[in-house]
Protein backbone atom coordinates (compact mmCIF):
# COMPACT_ATOMS: atom_id res chain seq x y z
CA MET A 1 -2.97 1.63 -25.50
CA ASP A 2 -6.00 -0.50 -24.64
CA LEU A 3 -6.02 -2.18 -21.25
CA LYS A 4 -7.88 -5.35 -20.37
CA ALA A 5 -10.93 -4.71 -18.21
CA ASN A 6 -10.70 -8.04 -16.38
CA ILE A 7 -8.54 -11.12 -15.92
CA SER A 8 -9.68 -14.70 -15.41
CA LYS A 9 -8.67 -16.88 -12.47
CA GLU A 10 -6.83 -19.15 -14.88
CA GLU A 11 -4.86 -16.26 -16.37
CA LEU A 12 -4.08 -14.93 -12.90
CA SER A 13 -2.82 -18.26 -11.58
CA ALA A 14 -0.53 -18.59 -14.59
CA CYS A 15 1.21 -15.28 -13.86
CA PRO A 16 4.67 -15.46 -12.24
CA VAL A 17 4.89 -14.13 -8.68
CA GLU A 18 6.13 -10.55 -8.24
CA THR A 19 8.80 -9.58 -5.69
CA PHE A 20 9.92 -6.28 -4.17
CA ASN A 21 13.66 -5.85 -4.69
CA GLY A 22 14.15 -2.57 -2.86
CA LYS A 23 15.20 -1.89 0.72
CA THR A 24 12.77 -2.37 3.60
CA TYR A 25 13.06 -0.80 7.04
CA VAL A 26 10.99 -1.90 10.04
CA ILE A 27 10.19 1.18 12.14
CA GLN A 28 9.55 0.59 15.83
CA THR A 29 11.03 3.65 17.60
CA LEU A 30 9.94 7.28 17.50
CA CYS A 31 13.43 8.32 16.42
CA ASP A 32 13.35 6.01 13.41
CA ALA A 33 9.83 7.18 12.57
CA GLU A 34 11.04 10.79 12.43
CA LYS A 35 13.95 9.85 10.15
CA ALA A 36 11.65 7.86 7.86
CA VAL A 37 9.11 10.67 7.56
CA ASP A 38 11.87 13.21 6.87
CA PHE A 39 12.86 11.09 3.88
CA LEU A 40 9.27 10.48 2.75
CA ARG A 41 8.58 14.22 2.67
CA THR A 42 11.14 14.51 -0.15
CA GLN A 43 9.07 12.22 -2.36
CA GLY A 44 6.38 13.19 -4.85
CA VAL A 45 4.41 9.93 -4.79
CA VAL A 46 4.34 7.08 -2.25
CA GLY A 47 2.45 3.82 -1.93
CA PHE A 48 0.35 3.20 1.18
CA ASP A 49 -1.15 0.15 2.90
CA THR A 50 -1.94 -1.28 6.33
CA GLU A 51 -2.04 -4.72 7.95
CA THR A 52 -4.10 -5.96 10.88
CA LYS A 53 -3.82 -9.18 12.85
CA PRO A 54 -6.85 -11.28 11.86
CA SER A 55 -9.44 -12.19 14.45
CA PHE A 56 -11.10 -15.54 14.11
CA LYS A 57 -13.72 -14.83 16.79
CA LYS A 58 -17.05 -13.42 15.70
CA GLY A 59 -17.63 -9.82 16.76
CA ARG A 60 -14.01 -9.27 17.79
CA SER A 61 -11.45 -7.27 15.84
CA ASN A 62 -7.87 -6.13 16.40
CA GLN A 63 -6.36 -2.70 15.91
CA VAL A 64 -4.27 -2.00 12.83
CA ALA A 65 -0.74 -3.23 13.55
CA LEU A 66 1.33 -2.09 10.58
CA LEU A 67 1.39 0.90 8.24
CA GLN A 68 3.50 0.60 5.09
CA ILE A 69 4.70 3.55 3.03
CA SER A 70 6.83 2.89 -0.05
CA THR A 71 8.83 4.90 -2.56
CA GLU A 72 10.15 3.47 -5.82
CA ASP A 73 12.92 1.54 -4.06
CA VAL A 74 12.49 1.96 -0.29
CA CYS A 75 9.63 0.82 1.95
CA PHE A 76 9.09 1.73 5.60
CA LEU A 77 7.01 -0.56 7.81
CA PHE A 78 5.70 1.39 10.82
CA ARG A 79 4.82 -1.00 13.65
CA LEU A 80 1.79 0.80 15.07
CA ASN A 81 1.23 -1.88 17.69
CA VAL A 82 4.61 -0.82 19.14
CA ILE A 83 4.75 2.97 18.62
CA GLY A 84 1.13 3.87 17.93
CA ILE A 85 0.60 6.72 15.47
CA PRO A 86 3.19 9.33 16.53
CA PRO A 87 2.49 13.01 15.67
CA VAL A 88 5.19 13.02 12.97
CA LEU A 89 3.40 10.20 11.15
CA SER A 90 -0.03 11.76 11.65
CA ASP A 91 1.31 15.01 10.19
CA PHE A 92 2.64 13.14 7.15
CA LEU A 93 -0.79 11.65 6.45
CA LYS A 94 -2.11 15.19 5.93
CA ASP A 95 0.92 16.45 3.99
CA THR A 96 -0.41 18.26 0.92
CA THR A 97 2.81 17.97 -1.12
CA VAL A 98 3.09 14.16 -1.30
CA LYS A 99 0.58 12.04 -3.20
CA LYS A 100 -0.29 8.88 -1.29
CA ILE A 101 -1.65 5.94 -3.26
CA GLY A 102 -3.68 3.16 -1.69
CA LEU A 103 -6.47 0.68 -2.31
CA SER A 104 -9.81 0.56 -0.47
CA LEU A 105 -8.67 3.52 1.58
CA ARG A 106 -11.90 3.97 3.49
CA ASP A 107 -11.19 0.73 5.39
CA ASP A 108 -7.61 1.82 6.13
CA PHE A 109 -8.71 5.24 7.38
CA ARG A 110 -11.38 3.72 9.61
CA ALA A 111 -8.85 1.31 11.13
CA LEU A 112 -6.23 4.02 11.69
CA GLY A 113 -8.83 6.32 13.21
CA LYS A 114 -9.44 3.77 15.96
CA ARG A 115 -5.82 4.20 17.05
CA ALA A 116 -5.63 8.00 16.90
CA PRO A 117 -7.42 10.92 15.24
CA ILE A 118 -6.10 11.28 11.68
CA GLU A 119 -6.71 13.73 8.84
CA PRO A 120 -5.77 11.99 5.57
CA ILE A 121 -5.06 14.49 2.77
CA ASN A 122 -3.85 14.06 -0.82
CA PHE A 123 -4.72 10.36 -1.05
CA ILE A 124 -5.74 8.59 -4.27
CA ASP A 125 -7.74 5.35 -4.13
CA LEU A 126 -6.75 3.00 -6.94
CA GLN A 127 -10.15 1.32 -6.95
CA GLU A 128 -11.62 4.56 -8.27
CA TYR A 129 -8.59 5.62 -10.31
CA VAL A 130 -8.35 2.46 -12.44
CA LYS A 131 -12.01 2.76 -13.45
CA THR A 132 -11.09 5.82 -15.54
CA PHE A 133 -8.87 3.49 -17.62
CA GLY A 134 -11.65 0.94 -18.15
CA ILE A 135 -10.30 -1.58 -15.62
CA GLY A 136 -13.16 -3.30 -13.87
CA GLU A 137 -11.21 -5.17 -11.19
CA ASN A 138 -10.99 -4.03 -7.55
CA SER A 139 -8.24 -6.12 -5.95
CA LEU A 140 -4.58 -5.20 -5.97
CA THR A 141 -3.62 -8.65 -7.25
CA THR A 142 -5.89 -8.54 -10.30
CA ILE A 143 -5.16 -4.90 -11.19
CA TYR A 144 -1.43 -5.57 -10.97
CA ALA A 145 -1.69 -8.71 -13.10
CA ILE A 146 -3.63 -6.87 -15.82
CA LEU A 147 -0.96 -4.17 -16.04
CA PHE A 148 2.26 -6.09 -15.48
CA GLY A 149 1.50 -9.78 -16.05
CA LYS A 150 2.68 -10.75 -12.57
CA ARG A 151 0.86 -11.98 -9.49
CA ILE A 152 1.03 -10.65 -5.94
CA SER A 153 0.90 -13.52 -3.47
CA LYS A 154 -1.54 -13.09 -0.57
CA ALA A 155 -0.18 -16.01 1.46
CA GLN A 156 0.84 -13.81 4.43
CA ARG A 157 -2.33 -11.68 4.62
CA LEU A 158 -3.82 -13.59 7.55
CA SER A 159 -0.58 -13.96 9.52
CA ASN A 160 0.08 -12.46 12.96
CA TRP A 161 1.03 -8.82 12.35
CA GLU A 162 1.45 -8.25 16.10
CA SER A 163 4.17 -10.88 16.43
CA ALA A 164 7.21 -9.78 18.45
CA ILE A 165 9.37 -10.19 15.35
CA LEU A 166 8.00 -10.08 11.81
CA THR A 167 9.18 -12.90 9.56
CA GLU A 168 11.04 -12.23 6.33
CA ARG A 169 7.98 -13.38 4.40
CA GLN A 170 5.75 -10.94 6.28
CA ILE A 171 8.19 -8.10 5.62
CA GLU A 172 8.42 -8.95 1.91
CA TYR A 173 4.64 -9.20 1.59
CA ALA A 174 3.93 -5.93 3.41
CA ALA A 175 6.53 -4.00 1.43
CA LEU A 176 5.33 -5.43 -1.89
CA ASP A 177 1.72 -4.37 -1.31
CA ALA A 178 2.62 -0.73 -0.65
CA TRP A 179 5.19 -0.62 -3.47
CA ALA A 180 2.72 -2.14 -5.93
CA THR A 181 0.08 0.53 -5.32
CA ARG A 182 2.63 3.20 -6.18
CA ARG A 183 3.84 1.37 -9.27
CA ILE A 184 0.30 1.02 -10.60
CA PHE A 185 -0.43 4.72 -10.18
CA VAL A 186 2.86 5.90 -11.68
CA TYR A 187 2.38 3.61 -14.68
CA LEU A 188 -1.19 4.74 -15.37
CA ASP A 189 -0.39 8.38 -14.69
CA SER A 190 2.47 8.32 -17.20
CA MET A 191 0.16 6.62 -19.70
CA ARG A 192 -2.43 9.36 -19.23
CA THR A 193 0.24 12.04 -19.73
CA GLN A 194 1.48 10.34 -22.88
CA MET A 195 -2.06 10.06 -24.26
CA SER A 196 -2.73 13.76 -23.63
CA HIS A 197 0.45 14.66 -25.49
CA ASN A 198 -0.65 12.58 -28.48
CA ILE A 199 -3.98 14.35 -28.79
């Protein structure tokens, strides 16, 4: 199966908007974080992303506020601005048995490292992975549209991720981003397996 290398702005804007239809849990206590990680350790592949409150002042930046980890139908939103990076979550980031899929991971790791020392292990960066399939795009929105013909809205990207209560739109956006990274990898990985079987 040949994949498109790129997608035009016109094609992208014509794509219907994607939604995440699974369950989402906002994690803001250490107890809930432990329960979430216990579940995540039973998974083979998860999607990964982070969100940071934007700073509109030159030279000033905020610490990462949210870490999203998604399975096929469940997404956990860890509110790092409330609980920090607890040891149970730090340990999961270096779990060797679970593949963690993200996009532009270097930026995420740098941001997380400013909160606490982390040792990310068994991560796959989609920006590099999709190149092996001839896809020349780097953004989650364009990669997803090439593969699935749907668009991921970025309307909430610059919202306040440190707000006392996240809005439903923020929750939906954050969960969708992490879920989409996993879906892309699983789709391409299954394609690669199928191709190897046909050789």
